[in-house]
PDB file of N, CA and C in Angstrom:
ATOM      1  N   UNK A   1      49.906 -18.589  22.665  1.00  0.00           N
ATOM      2  CA  UNK A   1      51.338 -18.482  22.435  1.00  0.00           C
ATOM      3  C   UNK A   1      51.786 -17.037  22.519  1.00  0.00           C
ATOM      4  N   UNK A   2      52.762 -16.783  23.322  1.00  0.00           N
ATOM      5  CA  UNK A   2      53.336 -15.445  23.380  1.00  0.00           C
ATOM      6  C   UNK A   2      54.756 -15.528  22.833  1.00  0.00           C
ATOM      7  N   UNK A   3      54.977 -14.885  21.720  1.00  0.00           N
ATOM      8  CA  UNK A   3      56.299 -14.885  21.097  1.00  0.00           C
ATOM      9  C   UNK A   3      57.141 -13.785  21.711  1.00  0.00           C
ATOM     10  N   UNK A   4      58.390 -14.112  21.993  1.00  0.00           N
ATOM     11  CA  UNK A   4      59.316 -13.145  22.545  1.00  0.00           C
ATOM     12  C   UNK A   4      60.550 -13.093  21.666  1.00  0.00           C
ATOM     13  N   UNK A   5      61.152 -11.913  21.537  1.00  0.00           N
ATOM     14  CA  UNK A   5      62.366 -11.821  20.725  1.00  0.00           C
ATOM     15  C   UNK A   5      63.481 -12.676  21.319  1.00  0.00           C
ATOM     16  N   UNK A   6      64.175 -13.378  20.453  1.00  0.00           N
ATOM     17  CA  UNK A   6      65.353 -14.140  20.824  1.00  0.00           C
ATOM     18  C   UNK A   6      66.424 -13.828  19.792  1.00  0.00           C
ATOM     19  N   UNK A   7      67.645 -13.843  20.206  1.00  0.00           N
ATOM     20  CA  UNK A   7      68.749 -13.462  19.347  1.00  0.00           C
ATOM     21  C   UNK A   7      69.622 -14.686  19.131  1.00  0.00           C
ATOM     22  N   UNK A   8      69.562 -15.229  17.918  1.00  0.00           N
ATOM     23  CA  UNK A   8      70.211 -16.491  17.572  1.00  0.00           C
ATOM     24  C   UNK A   8      71.569 -16.259  16.929  1.00  0.00           C
ATOM     25  N   UNK A   9      72.518 -17.122  17.274  1.00  0.00           N
ATOM     26  CA  UNK A   9      73.851 -17.085  16.684  1.00  0.00           C
ATOM     27  C   UNK A   9      74.262 -18.528  16.386  1.00  0.00           C
ATOM     28  N   UNK A  10      74.789 -18.745  15.191  1.00  0.00           N
ATOM     29  CA  UNK A  10      75.378 -20.031  14.846  1.00  0.00           C
ATOM     30  C   UNK A  10      76.875 -19.803  14.720  1.00  0.00           C
ATOM     31  N   UNK A  11      77.623 -20.324  15.689  1.00  0.00           N
ATOM     32  CA  UNK A  11      79.066 -20.140  15.709  1.00  0.00           C
ATOM     33  C   UNK A  11      79.760 -21.167  14.813  1.00  0.00           C
ATOM     34  N   UNK A  12      80.946 -20.849  14.361  1.00  0.00           N
ATOM     35  CA  UNK A  12      81.695 -21.757  13.493  1.00  0.00           C
ATOM     36  C   UNK A  12      82.047 -23.063  14.201  1.00  0.00           C
ATOM     37  N   UNK A  13      81.961 -23.085  15.521  1.00  0.00           N
ATOM     38  CA  UNK A  13      82.197 -24.314  16.289  1.00  0.00           C
ATOM     39  C   UNK A  13      81.037 -25.299  16.131  1.00  0.00           C
ATOM     40  N   UNK A  14      79.914 -24.808  15.609  1.00  0.00           N
ATOM     41  CA  UNK A  14      78.729 -25.644  15.475  1.00  0.00           C
ATOM     42  C   UNK A  14      77.729 -25.440  16.594  1.00  0.00           C
ATOM     43  N   UNK A  15      77.989 -24.499  17.488  1.00  0.00           N
ATOM     44  CA  UNK A  15      77.037 -24.196  18.556  1.00  0.00           C
ATOM     45  C   UNK A  15      75.945 -23.275  18.023  1.00  0.00           C
ATOM     46  N   UNK A  16      74.712 -23.735  18.097  1.00  0.00           N
ATOM     47  CA  UNK A  16      73.544 -22.916  17.767  1.00  0.00           C
ATOM     48  C   UNK A  16      73.016 -22.415  19.101  1.00  0.00           C
ATOM     49  N   UNK A  17      73.095 -21.109  19.308  1.00  0.00           N
ATOM     50  CA  UNK A  17      72.843 -20.507  20.613  1.00  0.00           C
ATOM     51  C   UNK A  17      71.797 -19.417  20.489  1.00  0.00           C
ATOM     52  N   UNK A  18      70.973 -19.284  21.525  1.00  0.00           N
ATOM     53  CA  UNK A  18      70.134 -18.089  21.542  1.00  0.00           C
ATOM     54  C   UNK A  18      70.239 -17.376  22.876  1.00  0.00           C
ATOM     55  N   UNK A  19      70.082 -16.064  22.782  1.00  0.00           N
ATOM     56  CA  UNK A  19      70.147 -15.173  23.928  1.00  0.00           C
ATOM     57  C   UNK A  19      68.797 -14.481  24.078  1.00  0.00           C
ATOM     58  N   UNK A  20      68.473 -14.081  25.290  1.00  0.00           N
ATOM     59  CA  UNK A  20      67.185 -13.434  25.532  1.00  0.00           C
ATOM     60  C   UNK A  20      67.195 -11.945  25.187  1.00  0.00           C
ATOM     61  N   UNK A  21      68.368 -11.353  25.083  1.00  0.00           N
ATOM     62  CA  UNK A  21      68.427  -9.940  24.693  1.00  0.00           C
ATOM     63  C   UNK A  21      69.754  -9.639  24.008  1.00  0.00           C
ATOM     64  N   UNK A  22      69.765  -8.536  23.280  1.00  0.00           N
ATOM     65  CA  UNK A  22      70.961  -8.156  22.515  1.00  0.00           C
ATOM     66  C   UNK A  22      72.145  -7.802  23.412  1.00  0.00           C
ATOM     67  N   UNK A  23      71.864  -7.226  24.566  1.00  0.00           N
ATOM     68  CA  UNK A  23      72.933  -6.833  25.483  1.00  0.00           C
ATOM     69  C   UNK A  23      73.705  -8.061  25.955  1.00  0.00           C
ATOM     70  N   UNK A  24      72.996  -9.114  26.320  1.00  0.00           N
ATOM     71  CA  UNK A  24      73.646 -10.352  26.751  1.00  0.00           C
ATOM     72  C   UNK A  24      74.428 -10.957  25.601  1.00  0.00           C
ATOM     73  N   UNK A  25      73.858 -10.899  24.406  1.00  0.00           N
ATOM     74  CA  UNK A  25      74.509 -11.472  23.231  1.00  0.00           C
ATOM     75  C   UNK A  25      75.800 -10.734  22.911  1.00  0.00           C
ATOM     76  N   UNK A  26      75.753  -9.404  22.896  1.00  0.00           N
ATOM     77  CA  UNK A  26      76.928  -8.635  22.521  1.00  0.00           C
ATOM     78  C   UNK A  26      78.024  -8.728  23.580  1.00  0.00           C
ATOM     79  N   UNK A  27      77.661  -9.004  24.824  1.00  0.00           N
ATOM     80  CA  UNK A  27      78.650  -9.152  25.887  1.00  0.00           C
ATOM     81  C   UNK A  27      79.117 -10.599  26.004  1.00  0.00           C
ATOM     82  N   UNK A  28      78.618 -11.455  25.097  1.00  0.00           N
ATOM     83  CA  UNK A  28      78.895 -12.886  25.144  1.00  0.00           C
ATOM     84  C   UNK A  28      78.640 -13.432  26.540  1.00  0.00           C
ATOM     85  N   UNK A  29      77.496 -13.018  27.078  1.00  0.00           N
ATOM     86  CA  UNK A  29      77.093 -13.462  28.410  1.00  0.00           C
ATOM     87  C   UNK A  29      76.435 -14.823  28.356  1.00  0.00           C
ATOM     88  N   UNK A  30      75.690 -15.099  29.377  1.00  0.00           N
ATOM     89  CA  UNK A  30      75.052 -16.405  29.494  1.00  0.00           C
ATOM     90  C   UNK A  30      73.948 -16.557  28.449  1.00  0.00           C
ATOM     91  N   UNK A  31      74.018 -17.632  27.717  1.00  0.00           N
ATOM     92  CA  UNK A  31      73.009 -17.882  26.700  1.00  0.00           C
ATOM     93  C   UNK A  31      71.848 -18.647  27.312  1.00  0.00           C
ATOM     94  N   UNK A  32      70.706 -18.606  26.625  1.00  0.00           N
ATOM     95  CA  UNK A  32      69.510 -19.283  27.110  1.00  0.00           C
ATOM     96  C   UNK A  32      69.487 -20.749  26.696  1.00  0.00           C
ATOM     97  N   UNK A  33      70.080 -21.091  25.581  1.00  0.00           N
ATOM     98  CA  UNK A  33      70.103 -22.481  25.118  1.00  0.00           C
ATOM     99  C   UNK A  33      71.237 -22.689  24.129  1.00  0.00           C
ATOM    100  N   UNK A  34      71.739 -23.912  24.094  1.00  0.00           N
ATOM    101  CA  UNK A  34      72.801 -24.277  23.158  1.00  0.00           C
ATOM    102  C   UNK A  34      72.474 -25.640  22.563  1.00  0.00           C
ATOM    103  N   UNK A  35      72.618 -25.742  21.253  1.00  0.00           N
ATOM    104  CA  UNK A  35      72.529 -27.033  20.574  1.00  0.00           C
ATOM    105  C   UNK A  35      73.797 -27.181  19.751  1.00  0.00           C
ATOM    106  N   UNK A  36      74.503 -28.257  19.920  1.00  0.00           N
ATOM    107  CA  UNK A  36      75.729 -28.504  19.170  1.00  0.00           C
ATOM    108  C   UNK A  36      75.342 -29.255  17.895  1.00  0.00           C
ATOM    109  N   UNK A  37      75.391 -28.558  16.754  1.00  0.00           N
ATOM    110  CA  UNK A  37      74.932 -29.178  15.511  1.00  0.00           C
ATOM    111  C   UNK A  37      76.067 -29.762  14.678  1.00  0.00           C
ATOM    112  N   UNK A  38      77.295 -29.495  15.065  1.00  0.00           N
ATOM    113  CA  UNK A  38      78.415 -30.064  14.316  1.00  0.00           C
ATOM    114  C   UNK A  38      78.526 -31.562  14.603  1.00  0.00           C
ATOM    115  N   UNK A  39      78.333 -31.934  15.850  1.00  0.00           N
ATOM    116  CA  UNK A  39      78.408 -33.336  16.247  1.00  0.00           C
ATOM    117  C   UNK A  39      77.105 -34.073  15.937  1.00  0.00           C
ATOM    118  N   UNK A  40      75.991 -33.388  16.080  1.00  0.00           N
ATOM    119  CA  UNK A  40      74.670 -33.977  15.854  1.00  0.00           C
ATOM    120  C   UNK A  40      73.902 -33.066  14.915  1.00  0.00           C
ATOM    121  N   UNK A  41      73.971 -33.297  13.617  1.00  0.00           N
ATOM    122  CA  UNK A  41      73.291 -32.417  12.665  1.00  0.00           C
ATOM    123  C   UNK A  41      71.798 -32.287  12.959  1.00  0.00           C
ATOM    124  N   UNK A  42      71.251 -31.161  12.573  1.00  0.00           N
ATOM    125  CA  UNK A  42      69.841 -30.897  12.800  1.00  0.00           C
ATOM    126  C   UNK A  42      69.092 -30.854  11.480  1.00  0.00           C
ATOM    127  N   UNK A  43      67.792 -30.963  11.579  1.00  0.00           N
ATOM    128  CA  UNK A  43      66.926 -30.798  10.414  1.00  0.00           C
ATOM    129  C   UNK A  43      66.308 -29.414  10.484  1.00  0.00           C
ATOM    130  N   UNK A  44      66.066 -28.842   9.323  1.00  0.00           N
ATOM    131  CA  UNK A  44      65.438 -27.527   9.267  1.00  0.00           C
ATOM    132  C   UNK A  44      64.080 -27.670   8.589  1.00  0.00           C
ATOM    133  N   UNK A  45      63.057 -27.201   9.280  1.00  0.00           N
ATOM    134  CA  UNK A  45      61.714 -27.145   8.716  1.00  0.00           C
ATOM    135  C   UNK A  45      61.521 -25.749   8.147  1.00  0.00           C
ATOM    136  N   UNK A  46      60.739 -25.641   7.068  1.00  0.00           N
ATOM    137  CA  UNK A  46      60.523 -24.338   6.448  1.00  0.00           C
ATOM    138  C   UNK A  46      59.064 -24.212   6.041  1.00  0.00           C
ATOM    139  N   UNK A  47      58.441 -23.145   6.462  1.00  0.00           N
ATOM    140  CA  UNK A  47      57.050 -22.878   6.111  1.00  0.00           C
ATOM    141  C   UNK A  47      56.082 -23.449   7.139  1.00  0.00           C
ATOM    142  N   UNK A  48      54.874 -22.927   7.154  1.00  0.00           N
ATOM    143  CA  UNK A  48      53.866 -23.361   8.135  1.00  0.00           C
ATOM    144  C   UNK A  48      53.493 -24.827   7.981  1.00  0.00           C
ATOM    145  N   UNK A  49      53.509 -25.355   6.758  1.00  0.00           N
ATOM    146  CA  UNK A  49      53.139 -26.746   6.543  1.00  0.00           C
ATOM    147  C   UNK A  49      54.127 -27.677   7.233  1.00  0.00           C
ATOM    148  N   UNK A  50      55.415 -27.422   7.081  1.00  0.00           N
ATOM    149  CA  UNK A  50      56.428 -28.255   7.730  1.00  0.00           C
ATOM    150  C   UNK A  50      56.495 -27.996   9.233  1.00  0.00           C
ATOM    151  N   UNK A  51      56.178 -26.785   9.645  1.00  0.00           N
ATOM    152  CA  UNK A  51      56.208 -26.409  11.070  1.00  0.00           C
ATOM    153  C   UNK A  51      54.804 -26.534  11.672  1.00  0.00           C
ATOM    154  N   UNK A  52      54.118 -27.603  11.347  1.00  0.00           N
ATOM    155  CA  UNK A  52      52.700 -27.744  11.700  1.00  0.00           C
ATOM    156  C   UNK A  52      52.427 -27.799  13.201  1.00  0.00           C
ATOM    157  N   UNK A  53      53.430 -28.128  14.012  1.00  0.00           N
ATOM    158  CA  UNK A  53      53.231 -28.196  15.457  1.00  0.00           C
ATOM    159  C   UNK A  53      53.344 -26.837  16.137  1.00  0.00           C
ATOM    160  N   UNK A  54      53.578 -25.798  15.371  1.00  0.00           N
ATOM    161  CA  UNK A  54      53.758 -24.461  15.927  1.00  0.00           C
ATOM    162  C   UNK A  54      52.695 -23.515  15.384  1.00  0.00           C
ATOM    163  N   UNK A  55      52.271 -22.600  16.229  1.00  0.00           N
ATOM    164  CA  UNK A  55      51.304 -21.576  15.817  1.00  0.00           C
ATOM    165  C   UNK A  55      52.029 -20.237  15.755  1.00  0.00           C
ATOM    166  N   UNK A  56      52.523 -19.919  14.561  1.00  0.00           N
ATOM    167  CA  UNK A  56      53.213 -18.646  14.364  1.00  0.00           C
ATOM    168  C   UNK A  56      52.208 -17.504  14.389  1.00  0.00           C
ATOM    169  N   UNK A  57      52.636 -16.309  14.780  1.00  0.00           N
ATOM    170  CA  UNK A  57      51.739 -15.153  14.717  1.00  0.00           C
ATOM    171  C   UNK A  57      51.226 -14.948  13.292  1.00  0.00           C
ATOM    172  N   UNK A  58      49.994 -14.494  13.158  1.00  0.00           N
ATOM    173  CA  UNK A  58      49.380 -14.293  11.837  1.00  0.00           C
ATOM    174  C   UNK A  58      50.158 -13.332  10.954  1.00  0.00           C
ATOM    175  N   UNK A  59      50.863 -12.381  11.565  1.00  0.00           N
ATOM    176  CA  UNK A  59      51.601 -11.371  10.798  1.00  0.00           C
ATOM    177  C   UNK A  59      52.836 -11.953  10.093  1.00  0.00           C
ATOM    178  N   UNK A  60      53.267 -13.150  10.484  1.00  0.00           N
ATOM    179  CA  UNK A  60      54.482 -13.738   9.931  1.00  0.00           C
ATOM    180  C   UNK A  60      54.165 -14.443   8.611  1.00  0.00           C
ATOM    181  N   UNK A  61      54.822 -14.031   7.517  1.00  0.00           N
ATOM    182  CA  UNK A  61      54.607 -14.710   6.232  1.00  0.00           C
ATOM    183  C   UNK A  61      55.043 -16.175   6.307  1.00  0.00           C
ATOM    184  N   UNK A  62      54.344 -17.026   5.597  1.00  0.00           N
ATOM    185  CA  UNK A  62      54.639 -18.455   5.572  1.00  0.00           C
ATOM    186  C   UNK A  62      56.103 -18.729   5.268  1.00  0.00           C
ATOM    187  N   UNK A  63      56.673 -17.990   4.324  1.00  0.00           N
ATOM    188  CA  UNK A  63      58.059 -18.236   3.899  1.00  0.00           C
ATOM    189  C   UNK A  63      59.091 -17.898   4.968  1.00  0.00           C
ATOM    190  N   UNK A  64      58.678 -17.211   6.035  1.00  0.00           N
ATOM    191  CA  UNK A  64      59.620 -16.805   7.081  1.00  0.00           C
ATOM    192  C   UNK A  64      59.599 -17.726   8.299  1.00  0.00           C
ATOM    193  N   UNK A  65      58.774 -18.766   8.288  1.00  0.00           N
ATOM    194  CA  UNK A  65      58.671 -19.697   9.413  1.00  0.00           C
ATOM    195  C   UNK A  65      59.744 -20.780   9.307  1.00  0.00           C
ATOM    196  N   UNK A  66      60.447 -21.009  10.410  1.00  0.00           N
ATOM    197  CA  UNK A  66      61.507 -22.023  10.457  1.00  0.00           C
ATOM    198  C   UNK A  66      61.395 -22.863  11.719  1.00  0.00           C
ATOM    199  N   UNK A  67      61.846 -24.091  11.617  1.00  0.00           N
ATOM    200  CA  UNK A  67      61.976 -24.947  12.780  1.00  0.00           C
ATOM    201  C   UNK A  67      63.328 -25.625  12.735  1.00  0.00           C
ATOM    202  N   UNK A  68      64.033 -25.637  13.859  1.00  0.00           N
ATOM    203  CA  UNK A  68      65.314 -26.339  13.972  1.00  0.00           C
ATOM    204  C   UNK A  68      65.079 -27.563  14.854  1.00  0.00           C
ATOM    205  N   UNK A  69      65.178 -28.757  14.276  1.00  0.00           N
ATOM    206  CA  UNK A  69      64.991 -29.985  15.045  1.00  0.00           C
ATOM    207  C   UNK A  69      66.360 -30.484  15.490  1.00  0.00           C
ATOM    208  N   UNK A  70      66.601 -30.431  16.793  1.00  0.00           N
ATOM    209  CA  UNK A  70      67.865 -30.905  17.360  1.00  0.00           C
ATOM    210  C   UNK A  70      67.612 -32.233  18.075  1.00  0.00           C
ATOM    211  N   UNK A  71      68.659 -32.815  18.595  1.00  0.00           N
ATOM    212  CA  UNK A  71      68.517 -34.092  19.298  1.00  0.00           C
ATOM    213  C   UNK A  71      67.620 -33.960  20.523  1.00  0.00           C
ATOM    214  N   UNK A  72      67.644 -32.820  21.185  1.00  0.00           N
ATOM    215  CA  UNK A  72      66.895 -32.668  22.426  1.00  0.00           C
ATOM    216  C   UNK A  72      65.622 -31.858  22.347  1.00  0.00           C
ATOM    217  N   UNK A  73      65.459 -31.063  21.280  1.00  0.00           N
ATOM    218  CA  UNK A  73      64.337 -30.134  21.257  1.00  0.00           C
ATOM    219  C   UNK A  73      64.145 -29.577  19.851  1.00  0.00           C
ATOM    220  N   UNK A  74      62.938 -29.131  19.565  1.00  0.00           N
ATOM    221  CA  UNK A  74      62.672 -28.409  18.324  1.00  0.00           C
ATOM    222  C   UNK A  74      62.471 -26.942  18.673  1.00  0.00           C
ATOM    223  N   UNK A  75      63.213 -26.077  17.988  1.00  0.00           N
ATOM    224  CA  UNK A  75      63.093 -24.632  18.190  1.00  0.00           C
ATOM    225  C   UNK A  75      62.357 -24.051  16.997  1.00  0.00           C
ATOM    226  N   UNK A  76      61.289 -23.310  17.243  1.00  0.00           N
ATOM    227  CA  UNK A  76      60.568 -22.638  16.172  1.00  0.00           C
ATOM    228  C   UNK A  76      60.924 -21.160  16.208  1.00  0.00           C
ATOM    229  N   UNK A  77      61.284 -20.636  15.060  1.00  0.00           N
ATOM    230  CA  UNK A  77      61.679 -19.236  14.944  1.00  0.00           C
ATOM    231  C   UNK A  77      61.069 -18.666  13.672  1.00  0.00           C
ATOM    232  N   UNK A  78      61.061 -17.368  13.586  1.00  0.00           N
ATOM    233  CA  UNK A  78      60.707 -16.768  12.305  1.00  0.00           C
ATOM    234  C   UNK A  78      61.703 -15.689  11.961  1.00  0.00           C
ATOM    235  N   UNK A  79      61.968 -15.622  10.687  1.00  0.00           N
ATOM    236  CA  UNK A  79      62.961 -14.681  10.166  1.00  0.00           C
ATOM    237  C   UNK A  79      62.274 -13.410   9.681  1.00  0.00           C
ATOM    238  N   UNK A  80      63.064 -12.377   9.505  1.00  0.00           N
ATOM    239  CA  UNK A  80      62.528 -11.091   9.055  1.00  0.00           C
ATOM    240  C   UNK A  80      62.254 -11.066   7.550  1.00  0.00           C
ATOM    241  N   UNK A  81      62.904 -11.972   6.811  1.00  0.00           N
ATOM    242  CA  UNK A  81      62.754 -11.956   5.359  1.00  0.00           C
ATOM    243  C   UNK A  81      63.100 -13.322   4.775  1.00  0.00           C
ATOM    244  N   UNK A  82      62.748 -13.517   3.526  1.00  0.00           N
ATOM    245  CA  UNK A  82      63.116 -14.747   2.833  1.00  0.00           C
ATOM    246  C   UNK A  82      64.638 -14.845   2.708  1.00  0.00           C
ATOM    247  N   UNK A  83      65.321 -13.736   2.503  1.00  0.00           N
ATOM    248  CA  UNK A  83      66.784 -13.729   2.406  1.00  0.00           C
ATOM    249  C   UNK A  83      67.408 -14.250   3.701  1.00  0.00           C
ATOM    250  N   UNK A  84      66.879 -13.832   4.832  1.00  0.00           N
ATOM    251  CA  UNK A  84      67.386 -14.313   6.119  1.00  0.00           C
ATOM    252  C   UNK A  84      67.136 -15.817   6.278  1.00  0.00           C
ATOM    253  N   UNK A  85      65.982 -16.285   5.820  1.00  0.00           N
ATOM    254  CA  UNK A  85      65.679 -17.726   5.843  1.00  0.00           C
ATOM    255  C   UNK A  85      66.725 -18.485   5.041  1.00  0.00           C
ATOM    256  N   UNK A  86      67.025 -17.995   3.847  1.00  0.00           N
ATOM    257  CA  UNK A  86      68.026 -18.643   2.988  1.00  0.00           C
ATOM    258  C   UNK A  86      69.388 -18.691   3.668  1.00  0.00           C
ATOM    259  N   UNK A  87      69.765 -17.598   4.335  1.00  0.00           N
ATOM    260  CA  UNK A  87      71.049 -17.546   5.023  1.00  0.00           C
ATOM    261  C   UNK A  87      71.115 -18.575   6.151  1.00  0.00           C
ATOM    262  N   UNK A  88      70.033 -18.696   6.906  1.00  0.00           N
ATOM    263  CA  UNK A  88      70.007 -19.677   7.994  1.00  0.00           C
ATOM    264  C   UNK A  88      70.078 -21.094   7.455  1.00  0.00           C
ATOM    265  N   UNK A  89      69.309 -21.380   6.427  1.00  0.00           N
ATOM    266  CA  UNK A  89      69.315 -22.729   5.854  1.00  0.00           C
ATOM    267  C   UNK A  89      70.701 -23.085   5.314  1.00  0.00           C
ATOM    268  N   UNK A  90      71.350 -22.129   4.654  1.00  0.00           N
ATOM    269  CA  UNK A  90      72.691 -22.358   4.115  1.00  0.00           C
ATOM    270  C   UNK A  90      73.706 -22.551   5.245  1.00  0.00           C
ATOM    271  N   UNK A  91      73.596 -21.744   6.289  1.00  0.00           N
ATOM    272  CA  UNK A  91      74.532 -21.847   7.410  1.00  0.00           C
ATOM    273  C   UNK A  91      74.405 -23.194   8.117  1.00  0.00           C
ATOM    274  N   UNK A  92      73.187 -23.626   8.362  1.00  0.00           N
ATOM    275  CA  UNK A  92      72.971 -24.917   9.017  1.00  0.00           C
ATOM    276  C   UNK A  92      73.442 -26.053   8.111  1.00  0.00           C
ATOM    277  N   UNK A  93      73.151 -25.947   6.829  1.00  0.00           N
ATOM    278  CA  UNK A  93      73.564 -26.988   5.876  1.00  0.00           C
ATOM    279  C   UNK A  93      75.079 -27.097   5.786  1.00  0.00           C
ATOM    280  N   UNK A  94      75.794 -26.018   6.034  1.00  0.00           N
ATOM    281  CA  UNK A  94      77.255 -26.052   5.927  1.00  0.00           C
ATOM    282  C   UNK A  94      77.883 -27.032   6.918  1.00  0.00           C
ATOM    283  N   UNK A  95      77.160 -27.383   7.979  1.00  0.00           N
ATOM    284  CA  UNK A  95      77.687 -28.338   8.946  1.00  0.00           C
ATOM    285  C   UNK A  95      77.428 -29.780   8.530  1.00  0.00           C
ATOM    286  N   UNK A  96      76.533 -29.982   7.582  1.00  0.00           N
ATOM    287  CA  UNK A  96      76.263 -31.336   7.115  1.00  0.00           C
ATOM    288  C   UNK A  96      76.886 -31.595   5.756  1.00  0.00           C
ATOM    289  N   UNK A  97      77.435 -30.535   5.136  1.00  0.00           N
ATOM    290  CA  UNK A  97      78.126 -30.673   3.851  1.00  0.00           C
ATOM    291  C   UNK A  97      79.558 -30.198   4.025  1.00  0.00           C
ATOM    292  N   UNK A  98      80.502 -31.098   4.254  1.00  0.00           N
ATOM    293  CA  UNK A  98      81.879 -30.716   4.572  1.00  0.00           C
ATOM    294  C   UNK A  98      82.590 -29.877   3.522  1.00  0.00           C
ATOM    295  N   UNK A  99      82.110 -29.873   2.281  1.00  0.00           N
ATOM    296  CA  UNK A  99      82.812 -29.120   1.252  1.00  0.00           C
ATOM    297  C   UNK A  99      82.595 -27.612   1.383  1.00  0.00           C
ATOM    298  N   UNK A 100      81.603 -27.199   2.164  1.00  0.00           N
ATOM    299  CA  UNK A 100      81.337 -25.771   2.318  1.00  0.00           C
ATOM    300  C   UNK A 100      81.941 -25.276   3.632  1.00  0.00           C
ATOM    301  N   UNK A 101      82.547 -24.094   3.623  1.00  0.00           N
ATOM    302  CA  UNK A 101      83.106 -23.562   4.866  1.00  0.00           C
ATOM    303  C   UNK A 101      82.001 -23.123   5.821  1.00  0.00           C
ATOM    304  N   UNK A 102      82.233 -23.284   7.119  1.00  0.00           N
ATOM    305  CA  UNK A 102      81.248 -22.834   8.098  1.00  0.00           C
ATOM    306  C   UNK A 102      81.651 -21.468   8.615  1.00  0.00           C
ATOM    307  N   UNK A 103      80.678 -20.578   8.693  1.00  0.00           N
ATOM    308  CA  UNK A 103      80.922 -19.234   9.160  1.00  0.00           C
ATOM    309  C   UNK A 103      79.831 -18.870  10.149  1.00  0.00           C
ATOM    310  N   UNK A 104      80.117 -17.971  11.096  1.00  0.00           N
ATOM    311  CA  UNK A 104      79.081 -17.589  12.054  1.00  0.00           C
ATOM    312  C   UNK A 104      78.019 -16.727  11.398  1.00  0.00           C
ATOM    313  N   UNK A 105      76.794 -16.921  11.814  1.00  0.00           N
ATOM    314  CA  UNK A 105      75.658 -16.142  11.326  1.00  0.00           C
ATOM    315  C   UNK A 105      74.833 -15.751  12.539  1.00  0.00           C
ATOM    316  N   UNK A 106      74.175 -14.621  12.445  1.00  0.00           N
ATOM    317  CA  UNK A 106      73.290 -14.237  13.539  1.00  0.00           C
ATOM    318  C   UNK A 106      72.006 -13.685  12.977  1.00  0.00           C
ATOM    319  N   UNK A 107      70.977 -13.788  13.767  1.00  0.00           N
ATOM    320  CA  UNK A 107      69.666 -13.268  13.399  1.00  0.00           C
ATOM    321  C   UNK A 107      69.005 -12.744  14.641  1.00  0.00           C
ATOM    322  N   UNK A 108      68.200 -11.742  14.486  1.00  0.00           N
ATOM    323  CA  UNK A 108      67.506 -11.190  15.643  1.00  0.00           C
ATOM    324  C   UNK A 108      66.051 -11.081  15.401  1.00  0.00           C
TER     325      UNK A 108
END
C-alpha cells in the first residue's frame, strides 16, 4: 500500500470531496472523487479494528484511522489528531441528524 496525501472537504451541500493536491483544492478545480452524503448518508468507521480491510501505515495511531462507507465505495483516511477525527465524525453526523447545522470542514 502506498499512501498519498489527499485533501478532503465536506461541503454544506453534503458533497464529500477529495482533491489530489492543495493547489487544485484552493482553486476549486477538478476533484478526484465526490460522494453525496446528504441524499445517501454514510457510515464512519473508527480505529484499526473497525477499518479491518485497510492496512494503515504503522506510524498512524489507531485513534486516527477512519473509514467513510458510501453507497459506491469505502474511503480509508487518517487524521492528524484525535481532535480532527472528532471534527470529521461530528461533521458527517450532522447530515444524519437534522437538528444540527451542517458546516463545511476540511482536512489535509
